[in-house]
Amino acid sequence: MVRIRSAYVSGTILNNPLAIGDTTLSSAALANLPAVASPDYAALILDPAGSAGNPEIVWVTAHTASATTATISRGKEGTTARQHLLAVAWAHGPTIMDFN
């Protein structure tokens, strides 16, 4: 399993909403994320500013280069899956796991 890292990529959620059980994330900015194939993954922070609750870390487990959707695994790295509304920000950047 390899953690995919890329130059800082961020965007907003297009799911309306991204419900707790959803495993597909939609965002135009995902087109800037490189391809990801399981068992490799890329970490995203949903609501990194905590504007609507605690941030959630998800792992992108499947993504085709230039695609605007990705398969995600929810509530990773000690966070809890929660609902995220349309246009909530996300960021691909370092998480606590990168420093441990």
PDB file of N, CA and C in Angstrom:
ATOM      1  N   MET A   1       0.853  -1.167   0.000  1.00  0.00           N
ATOM      2  CA  MET A   1       0.000   0.000   0.000  1.00  0.00           C
ATOM      3  C   MET A   1       0.906   1.240   0.000  1.00  0.00           C
ATOM      4  N   VAL A   2       0.691   2.113  -0.963  1.00  0.00           N
ATOM      5  CA  VAL A   2       1.467   3.339  -1.088  1.00  0.00           C
ATOM      6  C   VAL A   2       0.532   4.536  -0.964  1.00  0.00           C
ATOM      7  N   ARG A   3       0.950   5.503  -0.170  1.00  0.00           N
ATOM      8  CA  ARG A   3       0.175   6.736  -0.028  1.00  0.00           C
ATOM      9  C   ARG A   3       0.579   7.672  -1.159  1.00  0.00           C
ATOM     10  N   ILE A   4      -0.375   8.027  -2.023  1.00  0.00           N
ATOM     11  CA  ILE A   4      -0.138   8.902  -3.159  1.00  0.00           C
ATOM     12  C   ILE A   4      -0.105  10.345  -2.665  1.00  0.00           C
ATOM     13  N   ARG A   5       0.927  11.064  -3.057  1.00  0.00           N
ATOM     14  CA  ARG A   5       1.030  12.483  -2.712  1.00  0.00           C
ATOM     15  C   ARG A   5       1.196  13.270  -3.994  1.00  0.00           C
ATOM     16  N   SER A   6       0.601  14.432  -4.022  1.00  0.00           N
ATOM     17  CA  SER A   6       0.651  15.273  -5.205  1.00  0.00           C
ATOM     18  C   SER A   6       0.788  16.713  -4.747  1.00  0.00           C
ATOM     19  N   ALA A   7       1.148  17.589  -5.677  1.00  0.00           N
ATOM     20  CA  ALA A   7       1.161  19.010  -5.339  1.00  0.00           C
ATOM     21  C   ALA A   7      -0.209  19.365  -4.774  1.00  0.00           C
ATOM     22  N   TYR A   8      -0.230  20.342  -3.907  1.00  0.00           N
ATOM     23  CA  TYR A   8      -1.459  20.701  -3.200  1.00  0.00           C
ATOM     24  C   TYR A   8      -2.635  20.846  -4.167  1.00  0.00           C
ATOM     25  N   VAL A   9      -3.690  20.097  -3.908  1.00  0.00           N
ATOM     26  CA  VAL A   9      -4.908  20.128  -4.711  1.00  0.00           C
ATOM     27  C   VAL A   9      -6.063  20.362  -3.749  1.00  0.00           C
ATOM     28  N   SER A  10      -6.985  21.221  -4.116  1.00  0.00           N
ATOM     29  CA  SER A  10      -8.156  21.451  -3.274  1.00  0.00           C
ATOM     30  C   SER A  10      -9.353  21.799  -4.141  1.00  0.00           C
ATOM     31  N   GLY A  11     -10.515  21.700  -3.560  1.00  0.00           N
ATOM     32  CA  GLY A  11     -11.735  22.005  -4.296  1.00  0.00           C
ATOM     33  C   GLY A  11     -12.931  22.045  -3.380  1.00  0.00           C
ATOM     34  N   THR A  12     -14.105  21.898  -3.962  1.00  0.00           N
ATOM     35  CA  THR A  12     -15.345  21.872  -3.186  1.00  0.00           C
ATOM     36  C   THR A  12     -16.163  20.648  -3.589  1.00  0.00           C
ATOM     37  N   ILE A  13     -16.949  20.182  -2.649  1.00  0.00           N
ATOM     38  CA  ILE A  13     -17.784  19.001  -2.840  1.00  0.00           C
ATOM     39  C   ILE A  13     -18.974  19.357  -3.719  1.00  0.00           C
ATOM     40  N   LEU A  14     -19.245  18.490  -4.721  1.00  0.00           N
ATOM     41  CA  LEU A  14     -20.404  18.682  -5.585  1.00  0.00           C
ATOM     42  C   LEU A  14     -21.573  17.780  -5.206  1.00  0.00           C
ATOM     43  N   ASN A  15     -21.340  16.783  -4.332  1.00  0.00           N
ATOM     44  CA  ASN A  15     -22.452  15.959  -3.851  1.00  0.00           C
ATOM     45  C   ASN A  15     -23.400  16.884  -3.095  1.00  0.00           C
ATOM     46  N   ASN A  16     -24.701  16.622  -3.187  1.00  0.00           N
ATOM     47  CA  ASN A  16     -25.671  17.501  -2.536  1.00  0.00           C
ATOM     48  C   ASN A  16     -26.660  16.685  -1.717  1.00  0.00           C
ATOM     49  N   PRO A  17     -26.301  16.256  -0.504  1.00  0.00           N
ATOM     50  CA  PRO A  17     -25.017  16.368   0.182  1.00  0.00           C
ATOM     51  C   PRO A  17     -24.187  15.105  -0.015  1.00  0.00           C
ATOM     52  N   LEU A  18     -22.984  15.092   0.557  1.00  0.00           N
ATOM     53  CA  LEU A  18     -22.196  13.877   0.692  1.00  0.00           C
ATOM     54  C   LEU A  18     -22.653  13.260   2.014  1.00  0.00           C
ATOM     55  N   ALA A  19     -23.520  12.260   1.932  1.00  0.00           N
ATOM     56  CA  ALA A  19     -24.099  11.645   3.127  1.00  0.00           C
ATOM     57  C   ALA A  19     -23.082  10.752   3.824  1.00  0.00           C
ATOM     58  N   ILE A  20     -23.371  10.410   5.067  1.00  0.00           N
ATOM     59  CA  ILE A  20     -22.448   9.627   5.891  1.00  0.00           C
ATOM     60  C   ILE A  20     -22.032   8.322   5.206  1.00  0.00           C
ATOM     61  N   GLY A  21     -22.952   7.633   4.561  1.00  0.00           N
ATOM     62  CA  GLY A  21     -22.644   6.343   3.948  1.00  0.00           C
ATOM     63  C   GLY A  21     -22.140   6.405   2.521  1.00  0.00           C
ATOM     64  N   ASP A  22     -22.064   7.594   1.932  1.00  0.00           N
ATOM     65  CA  ASP A  22     -21.621   7.715   0.538  1.00  0.00           C
ATOM     66  C   ASP A  22     -20.150   7.345   0.380  1.00  0.00           C
ATOM     67  N   THR A  23     -19.848   6.663  -0.705  1.00  0.00           N
ATOM     68  CA  THR A  23     -18.460   6.271  -0.979  1.00  0.00           C
ATOM     69  C   THR A  23     -17.963   6.817  -2.321  1.00  0.00           C
ATOM     70  N   THR A  24     -18.728   7.705  -2.935  1.00  0.00           N
ATOM     71  CA  THR A  24     -18.298   8.372  -4.163  1.00  0.00           C
ATOM     72  C   THR A  24     -18.325   9.871  -3.935  1.00  0.00           C
ATOM     73  N   LEU A  25     -17.185  10.500  -4.111  1.00  0.00           N
ATOM     74  CA  LEU A  25     -17.045  11.947  -3.965  1.00  0.00           C
ATOM     75  C   LEU A  25     -17.006  12.564  -5.360  1.00  0.00           C
ATOM     76  N   SER A  26     -17.757  13.650  -5.543  1.00  0.00           N
ATOM     77  CA  SER A  26     -17.753  14.391  -6.806  1.00  0.00           C
ATOM     78  C   SER A  26     -17.223  15.786  -6.568  1.00  0.00           C
ATOM     79  N   SER A  27     -16.313  16.229  -7.443  1.00  0.00           N
ATOM     80  CA  SER A  27     -15.750  17.572  -7.371  1.00  0.00           C
ATOM     81  C   SER A  27     -14.992  17.840  -8.663  1.00  0.00           C
ATOM     82  N   ALA A  28     -15.208  19.012  -9.253  1.00  0.00           N
ATOM     83  CA  ALA A  28     -14.493  19.363 -10.483  1.00  0.00           C
ATOM     84  C   ALA A  28     -12.991  19.329 -10.264  1.00  0.00           C
ATOM     85  N   ALA A  29     -12.521  19.722  -9.092  1.00  0.00           N
ATOM     86  CA  ALA A  29     -11.083  19.799  -8.807  1.00  0.00           C
ATOM     87  C   ALA A  29     -10.427  18.433  -8.668  1.00  0.00           C
ATOM     88  N   LEU A  30     -11.203  17.362  -8.541  1.00  0.00           N
ATOM     89  CA  LEU A  30     -10.603  16.024  -8.510  1.00  0.00           C
ATOM     90  C   LEU A  30      -9.871  15.722  -9.805  1.00  0.00           C
ATOM     91  N   ALA A  31     -10.205  16.428 -10.877  1.00  0.00           N
ATOM     92  CA  ALA A  31      -9.505  16.241 -12.157  1.00  0.00           C
ATOM     93  C   ALA A  31      -8.017  16.533 -12.020  1.00  0.00           C
ATOM     94  N   ASN A  32      -7.625  17.292 -10.999  1.00  0.00           N
ATOM     95  CA  ASN A  32      -6.214  17.626 -10.766  1.00  0.00           C
ATOM     96  C   ASN A  32      -5.477  16.605  -9.914  1.00  0.00           C
ATOM     97  N   LEU A  33      -6.198  15.628  -9.386  1.00  0.00           N
ATOM     98  CA  LEU A  33      -5.590  14.571  -8.569  1.00  0.00           C
ATOM     99  C   LEU A  33      -5.079  13.465  -9.498  1.00  0.00           C
ATOM    100  N   PRO A  34      -3.904  12.898  -9.225  1.00  0.00           N
ATOM    101  CA  PRO A  34      -3.415  11.821 -10.096  1.00  0.00           C
ATOM    102  C   PRO A  34      -4.268  10.565  -9.964  1.00  0.00           C
ATOM    103  N   ALA A  35      -4.038   9.630 -10.856  1.00  0.00           N
ATOM    104  CA  ALA A  35      -4.733   8.345 -10.802  1.00  0.00           C
ATOM    105  C   ALA A  35      -4.375   7.604  -9.519  1.00  0.00           C
ATOM    106  N   VAL A  36      -5.359   6.916  -8.960  1.00  0.00           N
ATOM    107  CA  VAL A  36      -5.168   6.132  -7.738  1.00  0.00           C
ATOM    108  C   VAL A  36      -5.840   4.780  -7.963  1.00  0.00           C
ATOM    109  N   ALA A  37      -5.140   3.707  -7.639  1.00  0.00           N
ATOM    110  CA  ALA A  37      -5.705   2.364  -7.742  1.00  0.00           C
ATOM    111  C   ALA A  37      -5.375   1.600  -6.468  1.00  0.00           C
ATOM    112  N   SER A  38      -6.387   0.936  -5.900  1.00  0.00           N
ATOM    113  CA  SER A  38      -6.218   0.156  -4.686  1.00  0.00           C
ATOM    114  C   SER A  38      -5.149  -0.914  -4.909  1.00  0.00           C
ATOM    115  N   PRO A  39      -4.289  -1.183  -3.956  1.00  0.00           N
ATOM    116  CA  PRO A  39      -4.342  -0.825  -2.545  1.00  0.00           C
ATOM    117  C   PRO A  39      -3.743   0.545  -2.223  1.00  0.00           C
ATOM    118  N   ASP A  40      -3.265   1.284  -3.220  1.00  0.00           N
ATOM    119  CA  ASP A  40      -2.731   2.627  -2.966  1.00  0.00           C
ATOM    120  C   ASP A  40      -3.883   3.582  -2.649  1.00  0.00           C
ATOM    121  N   TYR A  41      -3.563   4.718  -2.056  1.00  0.00           N
ATOM    122  CA  TYR A  41      -4.605   5.680  -1.694  1.00  0.00           C
ATOM    123  C   TYR A  41      -4.016   7.081  -1.618  1.00  0.00           C
ATOM    124  N   ALA A  42      -4.903   8.072  -1.675  1.00  0.00           N
ATOM    125  CA  ALA A  42      -4.545   9.475  -1.461  1.00  0.00           C
ATOM    126  C   ALA A  42      -5.468  10.014  -0.374  1.00  0.00           C
ATOM    127  N   ALA A  43      -4.930  10.748   0.578  1.00  0.00           N
ATOM    128  CA  ALA A  43      -5.729  11.291   1.676  1.00  0.00           C
ATOM    129  C   ALA A  43      -6.294  12.655   1.295  1.00  0.00           C
ATOM    130  N   LEU A  44      -7.579  12.856   1.604  1.00  0.00           N
ATOM    131  CA  LEU A  44      -8.228  14.153   1.443  1.00  0.00           C
ATOM    132  C   LEU A  44      -8.807  14.558   2.789  1.00  0.00           C
ATOM    133  N   ILE A  45      -8.786  15.842   3.069  1.00  0.00           N
ATOM    134  CA  ILE A  45      -9.401  16.375   4.282  1.00  0.00           C
ATOM    135  C   ILE A  45     -10.668  17.092   3.856  1.00  0.00           C
ATOM    136  N   LEU A  46     -11.815  16.589   4.312  1.00  0.00           N
ATOM    137  CA  LEU A  46     -13.089  17.229   4.017  1.00  0.00           C
ATOM    138  C   LEU A  46     -13.379  18.247   5.108  1.00  0.00           C
ATOM    139  N   ASP A  47     -13.769  19.453   4.715  1.00  0.00           N
ATOM    140  CA  ASP A  47     -14.030  20.566   5.634  1.00  0.00           C
ATOM    141  C   ASP A  47     -12.807  20.838   6.513  1.00  0.00           C
ATOM    142  N   PRO A  48     -11.642  21.105   5.892  1.00  0.00           N
ATOM    143  CA  PRO A  48     -10.411  21.274   6.671  1.00  0.00           C
ATOM    144  C   PRO A  48     -10.460  22.415   7.679  1.00  0.00           C
ATOM    145  N   ALA A  49     -11.277  23.426   7.440  1.00  0.00           N
ATOM    146  CA  ALA A  49     -11.393  24.548   8.379  1.00  0.00           C
ATOM    147  C   ALA A  49     -12.376  24.248   9.509  1.00  0.00           C
ATOM    148  N   GLY A  50     -13.093  23.136   9.404  1.00  0.00           N
ATOM    149  CA  GLY A  50     -14.071  22.794  10.431  1.00  0.00           C
ATOM    150  C   GLY A  50     -15.249  23.745  10.455  1.00  0.00           C
ATOM    151  N   SER A  51     -15.641  24.264   9.302  1.00  0.00           N
ATOM    152  CA  SER A  51     -16.706  25.268   9.234  1.00  0.00           C
ATOM    153  C   SER A  51     -18.079  24.713   9.589  1.00  0.00           C
ATOM    154  N   ALA A  52     -18.288  23.404   9.420  1.00  0.00           N
ATOM    155  CA  ALA A  52     -19.593  22.820   9.712  1.00  0.00           C
ATOM    156  C   ALA A  52     -19.487  21.639  10.670  1.00  0.00           C
ATOM    157  N   GLY A  53     -18.356  21.492  11.321  1.00  0.00           N
ATOM    158  CA  GLY A  53     -18.123  20.367  12.225  1.00  0.00           C
ATOM    159  C   GLY A  53     -16.671  19.953  12.147  1.00  0.00           C
ATOM    160  N   ASN A  54     -16.352  18.846  12.766  1.00  0.00           N
ATOM    161  CA  ASN A  54     -14.966  18.375  12.750  1.00  0.00           C
ATOM    162  C   ASN A  54     -14.561  17.963  11.342  1.00  0.00           C
ATOM    163  N   PRO A  55     -13.329  18.273  10.933  1.00  0.00           N
ATOM    164  CA  PRO A  55     -12.848  17.800   9.637  1.00  0.00           C
ATOM    165  C   PRO A  55     -12.875  16.271   9.593  1.00  0.00           C
ATOM    166  N   GLU A  56     -13.037  15.757   8.380  1.00  0.00           N
ATOM    167  CA  GLU A  56     -13.017  14.302   8.175  1.00  0.00           C
ATOM    168  C   GLU A  56     -11.924  13.974   7.168  1.00  0.00           C
ATOM    169  N   ILE A  57     -11.133  12.977   7.469  1.00  0.00           N
ATOM    170  CA  ILE A  57     -10.134  12.500   6.515  1.00  0.00           C
ATOM    171  C   ILE A  57     -10.711  11.280   5.810  1.00  0.00           C
ATOM    172  N   VAL A  58     -10.640  11.319   4.487  1.00  0.00           N
ATOM    173  CA  VAL A  58     -11.063  10.181   3.670  1.00  0.00           C
ATOM    174  C   VAL A  58      -9.886   9.753   2.825  1.00  0.00           C
ATOM    175  N   TRP A  59      -9.886   8.482   2.450  1.00  0.00           N
ATOM    176  CA  TRP A  59      -8.859   7.981   1.547  1.00  0.00           C
ATOM    177  C   TRP A  59      -9.490   7.721   0.195  1.00  0.00           C
ATOM    178  N   VAL A  60      -8.919   8.305  -0.847  1.00  0.00           N
ATOM    179  CA  VAL A  60      -9.316   8.002  -2.220  1.00  0.00           C
ATOM    180  C   VAL A  60      -8.674   6.669  -2.573  1.00  0.00           C
ATOM    181  N   THR A  61      -9.507   5.687  -2.891  1.00  0.00           N
ATOM    182  CA  THR A  61      -9.001   4.344  -3.186  1.00  0.00           C
ATOM    183  C   THR A  61      -9.099   3.995  -4.665  1.00  0.00           C
ATOM    184  N   ALA A  62      -9.870   4.778  -5.417  1.00  0.00           N
ATOM    185  CA  ALA A  62      -9.980   4.577  -6.864  1.00  0.00           C
ATOM    186  C   ALA A  62     -10.280   5.911  -7.526  1.00  0.00           C
ATOM    187  N   HIS A  63      -9.433   6.278  -8.477  1.00  0.00           N
ATOM    188  CA  HIS A  63      -9.613   7.528  -9.211  1.00  0.00           C
ATOM    189  C   HIS A  63      -8.869   7.418 -10.533  1.00  0.00           C
ATOM    190  N   THR A  64      -9.538   7.738 -11.602  1.00  0.00           N
ATOM    191  CA  THR A  64      -8.928   7.762 -12.927  1.00  0.00           C
ATOM    192  C   THR A  64      -8.406   9.163 -13.180  1.00  0.00           C
ATOM    193  N   ALA A  65      -7.223   9.273 -13.762  1.00  0.00           N
ATOM    194  CA  ALA A  65      -6.652  10.596 -14.057  1.00  0.00           C
ATOM    195  C   ALA A  65      -7.674  11.450 -14.794  1.00  0.00           C
ATOM    196  N   SER A  66      -7.794  12.700 -14.390  1.00  0.00           N
ATOM    197  CA  SER A  66      -8.686  13.707 -14.976  1.00  0.00           C
ATOM    198  C   SER A  66     -10.162  13.506 -14.649  1.00  0.00           C
ATOM    199  N   ALA A  67     -10.511  12.468 -13.891  1.00  0.00           N
ATOM    200  CA  ALA A  67     -11.914  12.230 -13.536  1.00  0.00           C
ATOM    201  C   ALA A  67     -12.366  13.201 -12.454  1.00  0.00           C
ATOM    202  N   THR A  68     -13.652  13.498 -12.434  1.00  0.00           N
ATOM    203  CA  THR A  68     -14.221  14.413 -11.437  1.00  0.00           C
ATOM    204  C   THR A  68     -14.961  13.666 -10.329  1.00  0.00           C
ATOM    205  N   THR A  69     -14.813  12.346 -10.303  1.00  0.00           N
ATOM    206  CA  THR A  69     -15.349  11.538  -9.208  1.00  0.00           C
ATOM    207  C   THR A  69     -14.259  10.603  -8.710  1.00  0.00           C
ATOM    208  N   ALA A  70     -14.410  10.173  -7.462  1.00  0.00           N
ATOM    209  CA  ALA A  70     -13.450   9.248  -6.864  1.00  0.00           C
ATOM    210  C   ALA A  70     -14.167   8.365  -5.858  1.00  0.00           C
ATOM    211  N   THR A  71     -13.695   7.146  -5.724  1.00  0.00           N
ATOM    212  CA  THR A  71     -14.190   6.242  -4.691  1.00  0.00           C
ATOM    213  C   THR A  71     -13.401   6.539  -3.425  1.00  0.00           C
ATOM    214  N   ILE A  72     -14.124   6.707  -2.312  1.00  0.00           N
ATOM    215  CA  ILE A  72     -13.477   7.065  -1.052  1.00  0.00           C
ATOM    216  C   ILE A  72     -13.823   6.080   0.051  1.00  0.00           C
ATOM    217  N   SER A  73     -12.913   5.971   1.007  1.00  0.00           N
ATOM    218  CA  SER A  73     -13.125   5.223   2.238  1.00  0.00           C
ATOM    219  C   SER A  73     -13.224   6.263   3.344  1.00  0.00           C
ATOM    220  N   ARG A  74     -14.308   6.224   4.109  1.00  0.00           N
ATOM    221  CA  ARG A  74     -14.652   7.303   5.035  1.00  0.00           C
ATOM    222  C   ARG A  74     -14.044   7.146   6.425  1.00  0.00           C
ATOM    223  N   GLY A  75     -13.948   8.277   7.152  1.00  0.00           N
ATOM    224  CA  GLY A  75     -13.574   8.285   8.558  1.00  0.00           C
ATOM    225  C   GLY A  75     -12.221   7.684   8.863  1.00  0.00           C
ATOM    226  N   LYS A  76     -11.200   8.080   8.138  1.00  0.00           N
ATOM    227  CA  LYS A  76      -9.867   7.533   8.324  1.00  0.00           C
ATOM    228  C   LYS A  76      -9.038   8.361   9.301  1.00  0.00           C
ATOM    229  N   GLU A  77      -7.953   7.771   9.776  1.00  0.00           N
ATOM    230  CA  GLU A  77      -6.958   8.436  10.619  1.00  0.00           C
ATOM    231  C   GLU A  77      -7.570   9.059  11.885  1.00  0.00           C
ATOM    232  N   GLY A  78      -8.495   8.305  12.472  1.00  0.00           N
ATOM    233  CA  GLY A  78      -9.085   8.733  13.730  1.00  0.00           C
ATOM    234  C   GLY A  78     -10.227   9.716  13.606  1.00  0.00           C
ATOM    235  N   THR A  79     -10.679  10.015  12.385  1.00  0.00           N
ATOM    236  CA  THR A  79     -11.813  10.928  12.205  1.00  0.00           C
ATOM    237  C   THR A  79     -13.096  10.129  12.060  1.00  0.00           C
ATOM    238  N   THR A  80     -14.216  10.810  12.100  1.00  0.00           N
ATOM    239  CA  THR A  80     -15.523  10.178  12.008  1.00  0.00           C
ATOM    240  C   THR A  80     -16.231  10.649  10.752  1.00  0.00           C
ATOM    241  N   ALA A  81     -16.848   9.706  10.037  1.00  0.00           N
ATOM    242  CA  ALA A  81     -17.634  10.068   8.862  1.00  0.00           C
ATOM    243  C   ALA A  81     -18.819  10.919   9.300  1.00  0.00           C
ATOM    244  N   ARG A  82     -19.089  11.971   8.539  1.00  0.00           N
ATOM    245  CA  ARG A  82     -20.256  12.816   8.783  1.00  0.00           C
ATOM    246  C   ARG A  82     -20.745  13.373   7.464  1.00  0.00           C
ATOM    247  N   GLN A  83     -21.926  13.941   7.481  1.00  0.00           N
ATOM    248  CA  GLN A  83     -22.478  14.546   6.268  1.00  0.00           C
ATOM    249  C   GLN A  83     -21.741  15.840   5.951  1.00  0.00           C
ATOM    250  N   HIS A  84     -21.504  16.071   4.650  1.00  0.00           N
ATOM    251  CA  HIS A  84     -20.897  17.316   4.182  1.00  0.00           C
ATOM    252  C   HIS A  84     -21.804  17.890   3.110  1.00  0.00           C
ATOM    253  N   LEU A  85     -22.143  19.162   3.224  1.00  0.00           N
ATOM    254  CA  LEU A  85     -23.058  19.799   2.292  1.00  0.00           C
ATOM    255  C   LEU A  85     -22.370  20.211   0.997  1.00  0.00           C
ATOM    256  N   LEU A  86     -23.172  20.498   0.001  1.00  0.00           N
ATOM    257  CA  LEU A  86     -22.706  21.008  -1.282  1.00  0.00           C
ATOM    258  C   LEU A  86     -21.797  22.210  -1.059  1.00  0.00           C
ATOM    259  N   ALA A  87     -20.690  22.258  -1.777  1.00  0.00           N
ATOM    260  CA  ALA A  87     -19.735  23.382  -1.786  1.00  0.00           C
ATOM    261  C   ALA A  87     -18.829  23.458  -0.563  1.00  0.00           C
ATOM    262  N   VAL A  88     -18.860  22.447   0.315  1.00  0.00           N
ATOM    263  CA  VAL A  88     -17.907  22.412   1.423  1.00  0.00           C
ATOM    264  C   VAL A  88     -16.524  22.120   0.838  1.00  0.00           C
ATOM    265  N   ALA A  89     -15.521  22.774   1.370  1.00  0.00           N
ATOM    266  CA  ALA A  89     -14.147  22.627   0.853  1.00  0.00           C
ATOM    267  C   ALA A  89     -13.538  21.281   1.229  1.00  0.00           C
ATOM    268  N   TRP A  90     -12.586  20.856   0.407  1.00  0.00           N
ATOM    269  CA  TRP A  90     -11.728  19.705   0.709  1.00  0.00           C
ATOM    270  C   TRP A  90     -10.317  20.062   0.270  1.00  0.00           C
ATOM    271  N   ALA A  91      -9.340  19.357   0.844  1.00  0.00           N
ATOM    272  CA  ALA A  91      -7.941  19.616   0.493  1.00  0.00           C
ATOM    273  C   ALA A  91      -7.158  18.309   0.501  1.00  0.00           C
ATOM    274  N   HIS A  92      -6.244  18.194  -0.449  1.00  0.00           N
ATOM    275  CA  HIS A  92      -5.295  17.081  -0.477  1.00  0.00           C
ATOM    276  C   HIS A  92      -3.983  17.666   0.041  1.00  0.00           C
ATOM    277  N   GLY A  93      -3.645  17.302   1.239  1.00  0.00           N
ATOM    278  CA  GLY A  93      -2.443  17.830   1.859  1.00  0.00           C
ATOM    279  C   GLY A  93      -2.006  16.912   2.977  1.00  0.00           C
ATOM    280  N   PRO A  94      -0.994  17.306   3.713  1.00  0.00           N
ATOM    281  CA  PRO A  94      -0.504  16.445   4.788  1.00  0.00           C
ATOM    282  C   PRO A  94      -1.530  16.290   5.907  1.00  0.00           C
ATOM    283  N   THR A  95      -1.545  15.109   6.494  1.00  0.00           N
ATOM    284  CA  THR A  95      -2.381  14.827   7.669  1.00  0.00           C
ATOM    285  C   THR A  95      -1.447  14.390   8.795  1.00  0.00           C
ATOM    286  N   ILE A  96      -2.003  14.145   9.945  1.00  0.00           N
ATOM    287  CA  ILE A  96      -1.208  13.747  11.096  1.00  0.00           C
ATOM    288  C   ILE A  96      -0.388  12.498  10.800  1.00  0.00           C
ATOM    289  N   MET A  97      -0.903  11.629   9.929  1.00  0.00           N
ATOM    290  CA  MET A  97      -0.189  10.408   9.586  1.00  0.00           C
ATOM    291  C   MET A  97       1.133  10.679   8.876  1.00  0.00           C
ATOM    292  N   ASP A  98       1.222  11.814   8.214  1.00  0.00           N
ATOM    293  CA  ASP A  98       2.466  12.175   7.531  1.00  0.00           C
ATOM    294  C   ASP A  98       3.564  12.595   8.509  1.00  0.00           C
ATOM    295  N   PHE A  99       3.187  12.887   9.740  1.00  0.00           N
ATOM    296  CA  PHE A  99       4.162  13.382  10.717  1.00  0.00           C
ATOM    297  C   PHE A  99       4.470  12.361  11.805  1.00  0.00           C
ATOM    298  N   ASN A 100       3.751  11.239  11.818  1.00  0.00           N
ATOM    299  CA  ASN A 100       3.989  10.176  12.809  1.00  0.00           C
ATOM    300  C   ASN A 100       4.924   9.139  12.257  1.00  0.00           C
TER     301      ASN A 100
END
